[in-house]
Amino acid sequence: MKKINIITGHYGCGKTNVSANMAIELSKTSKVTVVDLDIVNPYFRTADFTELFKGHDIELVKSMYANTNLDIPAISFDLERICTEDGYCIIDVGGDDDGATALGRYAEAFEQFADDIEFYYVVNACRYPDGEENDALSLLYEIENASHMKATAIINNTNLGRETTKEIILDNIPFAEKIAEASGLPVEFTTAPSFLKSEELDKKVRYAEIYVKQIWDE
Protein backbone atom coordinates (compact mmCIF):
# COMPACT_ATOMS: atom_id res chain seq x y z
CA MET A 1 0.00 0.00 0.00
CA LYS A 2 1.40 3.39 -0.95
CA LYS A 3 1.41 6.48 1.23
CA ILE A 4 -1.37 8.37 -0.59
CA ASN A 5 -4.43 6.40 -1.69
CA ILE A 6 -7.04 8.19 -3.78
CA ILE A 7 -10.45 6.53 -4.03
CA THR A 8 -12.88 7.54 -6.75
CA GLY A 9 -15.65 6.07 -8.88
CA HIS A 10 -19.31 6.22 -9.85
CA TYR A 11 -21.89 7.59 -7.41
CA GLY A 12 -23.08 4.64 -5.34
CA CYS A 13 -20.21 2.33 -6.28
CA GLY A 14 -19.27 2.02 -2.61
CA LYS A 15 -16.03 4.00 -2.65
CA THR A 16 -16.73 5.52 0.77
CA ASN A 17 -17.15 2.06 2.26
CA VAL A 18 -13.93 0.99 0.54
CA SER A 19 -12.18 4.03 2.01
CA ALA A 20 -13.45 3.26 5.51
CA ASN A 21 -12.35 -0.38 5.37
CA MET A 22 -8.95 0.56 4.00
CA ALA A 23 -8.44 3.18 6.70
CA ILE A 24 -9.40 0.86 9.55
CA GLU A 25 -7.18 -1.94 8.27
CA LEU A 26 -4.16 0.35 7.88
CA SER A 27 -4.76 1.93 11.29
CA LYS A 28 -3.86 -1.38 12.94
CA THR A 29 -0.20 -0.75 12.19
CA SER A 30 0.17 2.90 11.11
CA LYS A 31 -1.12 6.42 11.52
CA VAL A 32 -3.96 7.09 9.07
CA THR A 33 -5.56 10.33 7.91
CA VAL A 34 -8.76 10.24 5.88
CA VAL A 35 -9.52 13.29 3.75
CA ASP A 36 -13.16 13.72 2.79
CA LEU A 37 -12.89 15.43 -0.59
CA ASP A 38 -16.47 14.50 -1.48
CA ILE A 39 -17.74 18.08 -1.67
CA VAL A 40 -20.42 17.26 -4.23
CA ASN A 41 -22.56 14.49 -2.79
CA PRO A 42 -23.90 15.14 0.74
CA TYR A 43 -24.95 11.48 1.19
CA PHE A 44 -22.85 8.56 2.42
CA ARG A 45 -19.58 10.46 2.77
CA THR A 46 -16.62 9.73 5.01
CA ALA A 47 -17.41 12.86 7.02
CA ASP A 48 -20.30 10.84 8.49
CA PHE A 49 -17.89 8.43 10.23
CA THR A 50 -16.29 10.75 12.77
CA GLU A 51 -17.01 8.50 15.75
CA LEU A 52 -16.05 5.30 13.92
CA PHE A 53 -12.69 6.73 12.91
CA LYS A 54 -12.09 8.24 16.34
CA GLY A 55 -12.41 4.76 17.82
CA HIS A 56 -9.55 3.59 15.61
CA ASP A 57 -7.32 6.65 16.12
CA ILE A 58 -7.92 7.73 12.53
CA GLU A 59 -7.78 11.45 11.83
CA LEU A 60 -10.66 12.67 9.69
CA VAL A 61 -10.16 15.89 7.75
CA LYS A 62 -13.22 17.41 6.14
CA SER A 63 -14.71 20.59 4.77
CA MET A 64 -16.04 23.09 7.30
CA TYR A 65 -19.48 22.54 5.74
CA ALA A 66 -19.53 18.75 6.05
CA ASN A 67 -22.44 17.36 8.10
CA THR A 68 -24.41 20.59 7.75
CA ASN A 69 -27.41 21.42 5.60
CA LEU A 70 -25.20 23.67 3.46
CA ASP A 71 -24.16 21.86 0.30
CA ILE A 72 -21.25 24.19 -0.51
CA PRO A 73 -18.24 22.99 -2.55
CA ALA A 74 -15.59 24.47 -0.22
CA ILE A 75 -12.21 23.00 0.74
CA SER A 76 -10.89 24.39 4.00
CA PHE A 77 -7.75 22.31 4.68
CA ASP A 78 -4.15 22.06 3.52
CA LEU A 79 -4.10 18.80 1.57
CA GLU A 80 -0.46 19.20 0.55
CA ARG A 81 0.65 19.46 4.16
CA ILE A 82 -1.40 16.41 5.15
CA CYS A 83 0.28 14.33 2.43
CA THR A 84 3.76 15.11 3.75
CA GLU A 85 3.01 13.90 7.28
CA ASP A 86 3.84 10.42 8.57
CA GLY A 87 1.59 7.45 7.89
CA TYR A 88 -1.06 6.93 5.23
CA CYS A 89 -3.45 9.40 3.65
CA ILE A 90 -6.71 8.14 2.14
CA ILE A 91 -8.59 10.63 -0.02
CA ASP A 92 -12.28 9.92 -0.66
CA VAL A 93 -13.16 11.84 -3.82
CA GLY A 94 -16.66 12.82 -4.92
CA GLY A 95 -18.36 10.57 -7.45
CA ASP A 96 -18.03 10.97 -11.21
CA ASP A 97 -16.11 13.68 -13.05
CA ASP A 98 -17.82 16.49 -11.12
CA GLY A 99 -16.28 15.30 -7.87
CA ALA A 100 -12.92 14.63 -9.51
CA THR A 101 -12.73 18.30 -10.49
CA ALA A 102 -12.01 19.12 -6.82
CA LEU A 103 -9.09 16.69 -6.92
CA GLY A 104 -7.80 18.37 -10.07
CA ARG A 105 -7.11 21.48 -8.03
CA TYR A 106 -4.22 19.56 -6.44
CA ALA A 107 -2.92 17.74 -9.53
CA GLU A 108 0.18 19.89 -9.91
CA ALA A 109 1.02 19.66 -6.21
CA PHE A 110 0.61 15.88 -6.30
CA GLU A 111 3.34 15.58 -8.94
CA GLN A 112 5.93 15.72 -6.16
CA PHE A 113 4.33 12.63 -4.58
CA ALA A 114 3.96 10.69 -7.84
CA ASP A 115 5.87 7.63 -6.60
CA ASP A 116 3.80 7.46 -3.42
CA ILE A 117 0.31 7.63 -4.96
CA GLU A 118 -2.21 4.95 -5.80
CA PHE A 119 -5.24 6.23 -7.69
CA TYR A 120 -7.99 3.63 -7.36
CA TYR A 121 -11.02 3.52 -9.60
CA VAL A 122 -13.83 1.64 -7.84
CA VAL A 123 -16.32 -0.26 -10.00
CA ASN A 124 -19.61 -1.86 -9.07
CA ALA A 125 -21.26 -3.82 -11.88
CA CYS A 126 -24.63 -3.37 -10.19
CA ARG A 127 -24.39 0.40 -10.73
CA TYR A 128 -24.12 0.38 -14.53
CA PRO A 129 -27.01 -0.14 -16.98
CA ASP A 130 -26.95 -3.76 -18.11
CA GLY A 131 -23.48 -4.15 -16.59
CA GLU A 132 -21.88 -2.36 -19.55
CA GLU A 133 -18.08 -2.23 -19.34
CA ASN A 134 -18.04 0.66 -21.82
CA ASP A 135 -19.99 2.84 -19.38
CA ALA A 136 -17.43 2.18 -16.67
CA LEU A 137 -14.54 2.85 -19.04
CA SER A 138 -16.03 6.12 -20.26
CA LEU A 139 -16.47 7.32 -16.69
CA LEU A 140 -12.91 6.33 -15.84
CA TYR A 141 -11.58 8.51 -18.64
CA GLU A 142 -13.87 11.39 -17.61
CA ILE A 143 -12.58 11.20 -14.03
CA GLU A 144 -8.98 11.12 -15.22
CA ASN A 145 -9.59 14.13 -17.43
CA ALA A 146 -11.32 16.11 -14.67
CA SER A 147 -8.69 15.31 -12.04
CA HIS A 148 -5.69 15.71 -14.37
CA MET A 149 -4.40 12.45 -12.92
CA LYS A 150 -4.18 8.86 -14.14
CA ALA A 151 -5.70 5.88 -12.37
CA THR A 152 -3.26 3.19 -11.29
CA ALA A 153 -5.56 0.29 -10.41
CA ILE A 154 -9.14 -0.91 -10.23
CA ILE A 155 -11.02 -2.10 -7.15
CA ASN A 156 -13.94 -4.37 -7.91
CA ASN A 157 -16.59 -3.52 -5.31
CA THR A 158 -19.59 -5.10 -7.02
CA ASN A 159 -22.35 -5.55 -4.46
CA LEU A 160 -25.96 -4.89 -3.55
CA GLY A 161 -25.35 -4.10 0.10
CA ARG A 162 -26.99 -6.59 2.41
CA GLU A 163 -28.71 -8.16 -0.60
CA THR A 164 -25.35 -9.29 -1.97
CA THR A 165 -24.94 -12.99 -2.64
CA LYS A 166 -21.93 -15.17 -3.35
CA GLU A 167 -23.19 -15.54 -6.92
CA ILE A 168 -23.25 -11.77 -7.45
CA ILE A 169 -19.61 -11.58 -6.39
CA LEU A 170 -18.40 -14.49 -8.51
CA ASP A 171 -20.50 -13.73 -11.59
CA ASN A 172 -19.20 -10.17 -11.83
CA ILE A 173 -15.48 -10.73 -11.41
CA PRO A 174 -15.21 -10.91 -15.25
CA PHE A 175 -16.80 -7.43 -15.41
CA ALA A 176 -13.86 -5.89 -13.58
CA GLU A 177 -11.37 -8.01 -15.51
CA LYS A 178 -12.71 -6.71 -18.84
CA ILE A 179 -12.37 -3.11 -17.65
CA ALA A 180 -8.85 -3.86 -16.49
CA GLU A 181 -7.90 -5.39 -19.82
CA ALA A 182 -9.36 -2.51 -21.83
CA SER A 183 -7.80 0.18 -19.65
CA GLY A 184 -4.45 -1.51 -19.13
CA LEU A 185 -4.87 -1.30 -15.34
CA PRO A 186 -4.60 -4.14 -12.83
CA VAL A 187 -7.45 -5.23 -10.59
CA GLU A 188 -6.06 -4.52 -7.12
CA PHE A 189 -8.66 -6.68 -5.42
CA THR A 190 -12.32 -7.68 -5.35
CA THR A 191 -14.35 -7.02 -2.22
CA ALA A 192 -17.09 -9.09 -0.64
CA PRO A 193 -19.18 -8.36 2.45
CA SER A 194 -17.75 -10.17 5.46
CA PHE A 195 -21.06 -11.97 6.07
CA LEU A 196 -20.36 -14.00 2.89
CA LYS A 197 -17.16 -15.58 4.20
CA SER A 198 -16.69 -19.01 2.66
CA GLU A 199 -13.94 -21.27 1.36
CA GLU A 200 -15.13 -20.60 -2.18
CA LEU A 201 -14.51 -16.86 -1.81
CA ASP A 202 -11.49 -16.89 0.51
CA LYS A 203 -8.82 -16.85 -2.20
CA LYS A 204 -10.71 -14.56 -4.59
CA VAL A 205 -11.78 -11.57 -2.49
CA ARG A 206 -10.90 -9.19 0.29
CA TYR A 207 -13.65 -9.16 2.87
CA ALA A 208 -15.11 -5.84 3.96
CA GLU A 209 -17.45 -4.66 6.68
CA ILE A 210 -20.50 -2.65 5.65
CA TYR A 211 -20.06 0.71 7.35
CA VAL A 212 -22.20 2.69 4.90
CA LYS A 213 -25.71 1.60 5.73
CA GLN A 214 -29.19 2.47 4.61
CA ILE A 215 -31.46 3.88 7.30
CA TRP A 216 -33.48 0.66 7.38
CA ASP A 217 -30.30 -1.36 8.11
CA GLU A 218 -29.52 0.52 11.30
C-alpha atoms as a PDB file:
ATOM      1  CA  MET A   1       0.000   0.000   0.000  1.00  0.00           C
ATOM      2  CA  LYS A   2       1.405   3.387  -0.948  1.00  0.00           C
ATOM      3  CA  LYS A   3       1.414   6.482   1.231  1.00  0.00           C
ATOM      4  CA  ILE A   4      -1.374   8.366  -0.592  1.00  0.00           C
ATOM      5  CA  ASN A   5      -4.430   6.398  -1.687  1.00  0.00           C
ATOM      6  CA  ILE A   6      -7.036   8.191  -3.780  1.00  0.00           C
ATOM      7  CA  ILE A   7     -10.451   6.527  -4.028  1.00  0.00           C
ATOM      8  CA  THR A   8     -12.884   7.539  -6.749  1.00  0.00           C
ATOM      9  CA  GLY A   9     -15.648   6.067  -8.877  1.00  0.00           C
ATOM     10  CA  HIS A  10     -19.306   6.220  -9.852  1.00  0.00           C
ATOM     11  CA  TYR A  11     -21.890   7.585  -7.407  1.00  0.00           C
ATOM     12  CA  GLY A  12     -23.085   4.645  -5.344  1.00  0.00           C
ATOM     13  CA  CYS A  13     -20.207   2.327  -6.284  1.00  0.00           C
ATOM     14  CA  GLY A  14     -19.272   2.024  -2.606  1.00  0.00           C
ATOM     15  CA  LYS A  15     -16.031   4.005  -2.650  1.00  0.00           C
ATOM     16  CA  THR A  16     -16.733   5.522   0.769  1.00  0.00           C
ATOM     17  CA  ASN A  17     -17.151   2.058   2.258  1.00  0.00           C
ATOM     18  CA  VAL A  18     -13.928   0.987   0.537  1.00  0.00           C
ATOM     19  CA  SER A  19     -12.179   4.033   2.008  1.00  0.00           C
ATOM     20  CA  ALA A  20     -13.451   3.260   5.508  1.00  0.00           C
ATOM     21  CA  ASN A  21     -12.352  -0.376   5.372  1.00  0.00           C
ATOM     22  CA  MET A  22      -8.945   0.557   4.002  1.00  0.00           C
ATOM     23  CA  ALA A  23      -8.444   3.175   6.704  1.00  0.00           C
ATOM     24  CA  ILE A  24      -9.405   0.860   9.548  1.00  0.00           C
ATOM     25  CA  GLU A  25      -7.175  -1.938   8.267  1.00  0.00           C
ATOM     26  CA  LEU A  26      -4.156   0.350   7.884  1.00  0.00           C
ATOM     27  CA  SER A  27      -4.761   1.932  11.292  1.00  0.00           C
ATOM     28  CA  LYS A  28      -3.865  -1.383  12.945  1.00  0.00           C
ATOM     29  CA  THR A  29      -0.201  -0.747  12.192  1.00  0.00           C
ATOM     30  CA  SER A  30       0.172   2.896  11.110  1.00  0.00           C
ATOM     31  CA  LYS A  31      -1.116   6.416  11.515  1.00  0.00           C
ATOM     32  CA  VAL A  32      -3.962   7.094   9.071  1.00  0.00           C
ATOM     33  CA  THR A  33      -5.557  10.331   7.914  1.00  0.00           C
ATOM     34  CA  VAL A  34      -8.762  10.237   5.881  1.00  0.00           C
ATOM     35  CA  VAL A  35      -9.517  13.287   3.754  1.00  0.00           C
ATOM     36  CA  ASP A  36     -13.157  13.721   2.792  1.00  0.00           C
ATOM     37  CA  LEU A  37     -12.895  15.428  -0.586  1.00  0.00           C
ATOM     38  CA  ASP A  38     -16.471  14.504  -1.478  1.00  0.00           C
ATOM     39  CA  ILE A  39     -17.739  18.078  -1.665  1.00  0.00           C
ATOM     40  CA  VAL A  40     -20.420  17.258  -4.232  1.00  0.00           C
ATOM     41  CA  ASN A  41     -22.562  14.493  -2.789  1.00  0.00           C
ATOM     42  CA  PRO A  42     -23.905  15.136   0.744  1.00  0.00           C
ATOM     43  CA  TYR A  43     -24.953  11.483   1.186  1.00  0.00           C
ATOM     44  CA  PHE A  44     -22.852   8.556   2.425  1.00  0.00           C
ATOM     45  CA  ARG A  45     -19.579  10.462   2.774  1.00  0.00           C
ATOM     46  CA  THR A  46     -16.620   9.725   5.007  1.00  0.00           C
ATOM     47  CA  ALA A  47     -17.414  12.857   7.024  1.00  0.00           C
ATOM     48  CA  ASP A  48     -20.297  10.838   8.493  1.00  0.00           C
ATOM     49  CA  PHE A  49     -17.889   8.434  10.228  1.00  0.00           C
ATOM     50  CA  THR A  50     -16.290  10.752  12.768  1.00  0.00           C
ATOM     51  CA  GLU A  51     -17.011   8.496  15.754  1.00  0.00           C
ATOM     52  CA  LEU A  52     -16.054   5.298  13.923  1.00  0.00           C
ATOM     53  CA  PHE A  53     -12.692   6.728  12.914  1.00  0.00           C
ATOM     54  CA  LYS A  54     -12.092   8.242  16.338  1.00  0.00           C
ATOM     55  CA  GLY A  55     -12.409   4.758  17.816  1.00  0.00           C
ATOM     56  CA  HIS A  56      -9.545   3.585  15.611  1.00  0.00           C
ATOM     57  CA  ASP A  57      -7.322   6.648  16.124  1.00  0.00           C
ATOM     58  CA  ILE A  58      -7.922   7.730  12.531  1.00  0.00           C
ATOM     59  CA  GLU A  59      -7.781  11.449  11.831  1.00  0.00           C
ATOM     60  CA  LEU A  60     -10.662  12.674   9.690  1.00  0.00           C
ATOM     61  CA  VAL A  61     -10.157  15.893   7.749  1.00  0.00           C
ATOM     62  CA  LYS A  62     -13.222  17.410   6.138  1.00  0.00           C
ATOM     63  CA  SER A  63     -14.713  20.593   4.769  1.00  0.00           C
ATOM     64  CA  MET A  64     -16.042  23.089   7.296  1.00  0.00           C
ATOM     65  CA  TYR A  65     -19.485  22.542   5.744  1.00  0.00           C
ATOM     66  CA  ALA A  66     -19.527  18.746   6.048  1.00  0.00           C
ATOM     67  CA  ASN A  67     -22.438  17.365   8.097  1.00  0.00           C
ATOM     68  CA  THR A  68     -24.408  20.591   7.755  1.00  0.00           C
ATOM     69  CA  ASN A  69     -27.409  21.416   5.596  1.00  0.00           C
ATOM     70  CA  LEU A  70     -25.199  23.672   3.462  1.00  0.00           C
ATOM     71  CA  ASP A  71     -24.163  21.859   0.297  1.00  0.00           C
ATOM     72  CA  ILE A  72     -21.250  24.189  -0.510  1.00  0.00           C
ATOM     73  CA  PRO A  73     -18.238  22.987  -2.547  1.00  0.00           C
ATOM     74  CA  ALA A  74     -15.593  24.469  -0.223  1.00  0.00           C
ATOM     75  CA  ILE A  75     -12.215  23.005   0.736  1.00  0.00           C
ATOM     76  CA  SER A  76     -10.885  24.386   3.998  1.00  0.00           C
ATOM     77  CA  PHE A  77      -7.753  22.311   4.684  1.00  0.00           C
ATOM     78  CA  ASP A  78      -4.152  22.063   3.522  1.00  0.00           C
ATOM     79  CA  LEU A  79      -4.096  18.799   1.572  1.00  0.00           C
ATOM     80  CA  GLU A  80      -0.459  19.205   0.552  1.00  0.00           C
ATOM     81  CA  ARG A  81       0.654  19.463   4.161  1.00  0.00           C
ATOM     82  CA  ILE A  82      -1.395  16.413   5.145  1.00  0.00           C
ATOM     83  CA  CYS A  83       0.280  14.332   2.425  1.00  0.00           C
ATOM     84  CA  THR A  84       3.764  15.107   3.751  1.00  0.00           C
ATOM     85  CA  GLU A  85       3.005  13.900   7.276  1.00  0.00           C
ATOM     86  CA  ASP A  86       3.835  10.419   8.567  1.00  0.00           C
ATOM     87  CA  GLY A  87       1.586   7.453   7.890  1.00  0.00           C
ATOM     88  CA  TYR A  88      -1.059   6.927   5.231  1.00  0.00           C
ATOM     89  CA  CYS A  89      -3.447   9.397   3.653  1.00  0.00           C
ATOM     90  CA  ILE A  90      -6.710   8.142   2.135  1.00  0.00           C
ATOM     91  CA  ILE A  91      -8.592  10.632  -0.024  1.00  0.00           C
ATOM     92  CA  ASP A  92     -12.276   9.915  -0.660  1.00  0.00           C
ATOM     93  CA  VAL A  93     -13.156  11.837  -3.824  1.00  0.00           C
ATOM     94  CA  GLY A  94     -16.664  12.819  -4.922  1.00  0.00           C
ATOM     95  CA  GLY A  95     -18.359  10.570  -7.453  1.00  0.00           C
ATOM     96  CA  ASP A  96     -18.026  10.973 -11.208  1.00  0.00           C
ATOM     97  CA  ASP A  97     -16.109  13.683 -13.045  1.00  0.00           C
ATOM     98  CA  ASP A  98     -17.825  16.493 -11.115  1.00  0.00           C
ATOM     99  CA  GLY A  99     -16.283  15.302  -7.875  1.00  0.00           C
ATOM    100  CA  ALA A 100     -12.920  14.634  -9.511  1.00  0.00           C
ATOM    101  CA  THR A 101     -12.728  18.302 -10.488  1.00  0.00           C
ATOM    102  CA  ALA A 102     -12.012  19.118  -6.821  1.00  0.00           C
ATOM    103  CA  LEU A 103      -9.087  16.692  -6.918  1.00  0.00           C
ATOM    104  CA  GLY A 104      -7.804  18.373 -10.074  1.00  0.00           C
ATOM    105  CA  ARG A 105      -7.106  21.479  -8.034  1.00  0.00           C
ATOM    106  CA  TYR A 106      -4.224  19.564  -6.438  1.00  0.00           C
ATOM    107  CA  ALA A 107      -2.922  17.745  -9.532  1.00  0.00           C
ATOM    108  CA  GLU A 108       0.185  19.885  -9.908  1.00  0.00           C
ATOM    109  CA  ALA A 109       1.025  19.661  -6.212  1.00  0.00           C
ATOM    110  CA  PHE A 110       0.607  15.884  -6.303  1.00  0.00           C
ATOM    111  CA  GLU A 111       3.337  15.579  -8.936  1.00  0.00           C
ATOM    112  CA  GLN A 112       5.934  15.721  -6.164  1.00  0.00           C
ATOM    113  CA  PHE A 113       4.328  12.631  -4.577  1.00  0.00           C
ATOM    114  CA  ALA A 114       3.964  10.690  -7.840  1.00  0.00           C
ATOM    115  CA  ASP A 115       5.873   7.625  -6.604  1.00  0.00           C
ATOM    116  CA  ASP A 116       3.805   7.461  -3.424  1.00  0.00           C
ATOM    117  CA  ILE A 117       0.307   7.635  -4.955  1.00  0.00           C
ATOM    118  CA  GLU A 118      -2.207   4.950  -5.799  1.00  0.00           C
ATOM    119  CA  PHE A 119      -5.236   6.228  -7.692  1.00  0.00           C
ATOM    120  CA  TYR A 120      -7.985   3.628  -7.361  1.00  0.00           C
ATOM    121  CA  TYR A 121     -11.025   3.516  -9.605  1.00  0.00           C
ATOM    122  CA  VAL A 122     -13.833   1.637  -7.835  1.00  0.00           C
ATOM    123  CA  VAL A 123     -16.319  -0.263  -9.997  1.00  0.00           C
ATOM    124  CA  ASN A 124     -19.609  -1.858  -9.068  1.00  0.00           C
ATOM    125  CA  ALA A 125     -21.261  -3.820 -11.876  1.00  0.00           C
ATOM    126  CA  CYS A 126     -24.628  -3.368 -10.187  1.00  0.00           C
ATOM    127  CA  ARG A 127     -24.386   0.403 -10.733  1.00  0.00           C
ATOM    128  CA  TYR A 128     -24.118   0.380 -14.535  1.00  0.00           C
ATOM    129  CA  PRO A 129     -27.006  -0.142 -16.984  1.00  0.00           C
ATOM    130  CA  ASP A 130     -26.946  -3.764 -18.107  1.00  0.00           C
ATOM    131  CA  GLY A 131     -23.475  -4.151 -16.594  1.00  0.00           C
ATOM    132  CA  GLU A 132     -21.882  -2.364 -19.553  1.00  0.00           C
ATOM    133  CA  GLU A 133     -18.080  -2.235 -19.338  1.00  0.00           C
ATOM    134  CA  ASN A 134     -18.041   0.659 -21.822  1.00  0.00           C
ATOM    135  CA  ASP A 135     -19.989   2.842 -19.385  1.00  0.00           C
ATOM    136  CA  ALA A 136     -17.425   2.178 -16.674  1.00  0.00           C
ATOM    137  CA  LEU A 137     -14.539   2.853 -19.044  1.00  0.00           C
ATOM    138  CA  SER A 138     -16.030   6.118 -20.260  1.00  0.00           C
ATOM    139  CA  LEU A 139     -16.475   7.320 -16.692  1.00  0.00           C
ATOM    140  CA  LEU A 140     -12.908   6.328 -15.837  1.00  0.00           C
ATOM    141  CA  TYR A 141     -11.579   8.513 -18.636  1.00  0.00           C
ATOM    142  CA  GLU A 142     -13.870  11.390 -17.611  1.00  0.00           C
ATOM    143  CA  ILE A 143     -12.575  11.203 -14.032  1.00  0.00           C
ATOM    144  CA  GLU A 144      -8.977  11.118 -15.217  1.00  0.00           C
ATOM    145  CA  ASN A 145      -9.593  14.129 -17.434  1.00  0.00           C
ATOM    146  CA  ALA A 146     -11.322  16.115 -14.672  1.00  0.00           C
ATOM    147  CA  SER A 147      -8.689  15.305 -12.038  1.00  0.00           C
ATOM    148  CA  HIS A 148      -5.692  15.708 -14.371  1.00  0.00           C
ATOM    149  CA  MET A 149      -4.403  12.445 -12.916  1.00  0.00           C
ATOM    150  CA  LYS A 150      -4.183   8.858 -14.140  1.00  0.00           C
ATOM    151  CA  ALA A 151      -5.702   5.876 -12.372  1.00  0.00           C
ATOM    152  CA  THR A 152      -3.255   3.190 -11.293  1.00  0.00           C
ATOM    153  CA  ALA A 153      -5.559   0.289 -10.407  1.00  0.00           C
ATOM    154  CA  ILE A 154      -9.143  -0.910 -10.233  1.00  0.00           C
ATOM    155  CA  ILE A 155     -11.017  -2.096  -7.153  1.00  0.00           C
ATOM    156  CA  ASN A 156     -13.944  -4.369  -7.910  1.00  0.00           C
ATOM    157  CA  ASN A 157     -16.586  -3.517  -5.310  1.00  0.00           C
ATOM    158  CA  THR A 158     -19.587  -5.099  -7.023  1.00  0.00           C
ATOM    159  CA  ASN A 159     -22.352  -5.553  -4.461  1.00  0.00           C
ATOM    160  CA  LEU A 160     -25.963  -4.893  -3.546  1.00  0.00           C
ATOM    161  CA  GLY A 161     -25.347  -4.097   0.098  1.00  0.00           C
ATOM    162  CA  ARG A 162     -26.987  -6.593   2.411  1.00  0.00           C
ATOM    163  CA  GLU A 163     -28.714  -8.159  -0.596  1.00  0.00           C
ATOM    164  CA  THR A 164     -25.353  -9.292  -1.968  1.00  0.00           C
ATOM    165  CA  THR A 165     -24.944 -12.994  -2.639  1.00  0.00           C
ATOM    166  CA  LYS A 166     -21.927 -15.165  -3.352  1.00  0.00           C
ATOM    167  CA  GLU A 167     -23.188 -15.540  -6.921  1.00  0.00           C
ATOM    168  CA  ILE A 168     -23.249 -11.765  -7.454  1.00  0.00           C
ATOM    169  CA  ILE A 169     -19.607 -11.576  -6.388  1.00  0.00           C
ATOM    170  CA  LEU A 170     -18.404 -14.491  -8.510  1.00  0.00           C
ATOM    171  CA  ASP A 171     -20.505 -13.734 -11.593  1.00  0.00           C
ATOM    172  CA  ASN A 172     -19.203 -10.170 -11.832  1.00  0.00           C
ATOM    173  CA  ILE A 173     -15.478 -10.733 -11.409  1.00  0.00           C
ATOM    174  CA  PRO A 174     -15.206 -10.907 -15.246  1.00  0.00           C
ATOM    175  CA  PHE A 175     -16.801  -7.429 -15.408  1.00  0.00           C
ATOM    176  CA  ALA A 176     -13.855  -5.887 -13.580  1.00  0.00           C
ATOM    177  CA  GLU A 177     -11.371  -8.007 -15.508  1.00  0.00           C
ATOM    178  CA  LYS A 178     -12.708  -6.710 -18.836  1.00  0.00           C
ATOM    179  CA  ILE A 179     -12.371  -3.107 -17.647  1.00  0.00           C
ATOM    180  CA  ALA A 180      -8.848  -3.862 -16.494  1.00  0.00           C
ATOM    181  CA  GLU A 181      -7.897  -5.393 -19.824  1.00  0.00           C
ATOM    182  CA  ALA A 182      -9.359  -2.511 -21.833  1.00  0.00           C
ATOM    183  CA  SER A 183      -7.796   0.182 -19.646  1.00  0.00           C
ATOM    184  CA  GLY A 184      -4.450  -1.511 -19.134  1.00  0.00           C
ATOM    185  CA  LEU A 185      -4.869  -1.300 -15.344  1.00  0.00           C
ATOM    186  CA  PRO A 186      -4.595  -4.142 -12.827  1.00  0.00           C
ATOM    187  CA  VAL A 187      -7.448  -5.229 -10.587  1.00  0.00           C
ATOM    188  CA  GLU A 188      -6.058  -4.516  -7.122  1.00  0.00           C
ATOM    189  CA  PHE A 189      -8.664  -6.677  -5.416  1.00  0.00           C
ATOM    190  CA  THR A 190     -12.317  -7.685  -5.348  1.00  0.00           C
ATOM    191  CA  THR A 191     -14.347  -7.021  -2.216  1.00  0.00           C
ATOM    192  CA  ALA A 192     -17.086  -9.094  -0.640  1.00  0.00           C
ATOM    193  CA  PRO A 193     -19.184  -8.360   2.449  1.00  0.00           C
ATOM    194  CA  SER A 194     -17.755 -10.171   5.461  1.00  0.00           C
ATOM    195  CA  PHE A 195     -21.056 -11.971   6.069  1.00  0.00           C
ATOM    196  CA  LEU A 196     -20.364 -13.999   2.894  1.00  0.00           C
ATOM    197  CA  LYS A 197     -17.159 -15.581   4.198  1.00  0.00           C
ATOM    198  CA  SER A 198     -16.693 -19.009   2.663  1.00  0.00           C
ATOM    199  CA  GLU A 199     -13.944 -21.268   1.358  1.00  0.00           C
ATOM    200  CA  GLU A 200     -15.128 -20.597  -2.185  1.00  0.00           C
ATOM    201  CA  LEU A 201     -14.507 -16.856  -1.812  1.00  0.00           C
ATOM    202  CA  ASP A 202     -11.490 -16.890   0.515  1.00  0.00           C
ATOM    203  CA  LYS A 203      -8.822 -16.853  -2.203  1.00  0.00           C
ATOM    204  CA  LYS A 204     -10.707 -14.560  -4.594  1.00  0.00           C
ATOM    205  CA  VAL A 205     -11.781 -11.574  -2.494  1.00  0.00           C
ATOM    206  CA  ARG A 206     -10.895  -9.188   0.288  1.00  0.00           C
ATOM    207  CA  TYR A 207     -13.654  -9.158   2.872  1.00  0.00           C
ATOM    208  CA  ALA A 208     -15.112  -5.837   3.959  1.00  0.00           C
ATOM    209  CA  GLU A 209     -17.446  -4.662   6.677  1.00  0.00           C
ATOM    210  CA  ILE A 210     -20.496  -2.649   5.648  1.00  0.00           C
ATOM    211  CA  TYR A 211     -20.064   0.713   7.345  1.00  0.00           C
ATOM    212  CA  VAL A 212     -22.200   2.686   4.898  1.00  0.00           C
ATOM    213  CA  LYS A 213     -25.713   1.598   5.731  1.00  0.00           C
ATOM    214  CA  GLN A 214     -29.186   2.469   4.614  1.00  0.00           C
ATOM    215  CA  ILE A 215     -31.462   3.875   7.305  1.00  0.00           C
ATOM    216  CA  TRP A 216     -33.483   0.657   7.376  1.00  0.00           C
ATOM    217  CA  ASP A 217     -30.302  -1.361   8.109  1.00  0.00           C
ATOM    218  CA  GLU A 218     -29.516   0.524  11.304  1.00  0.00           C
END
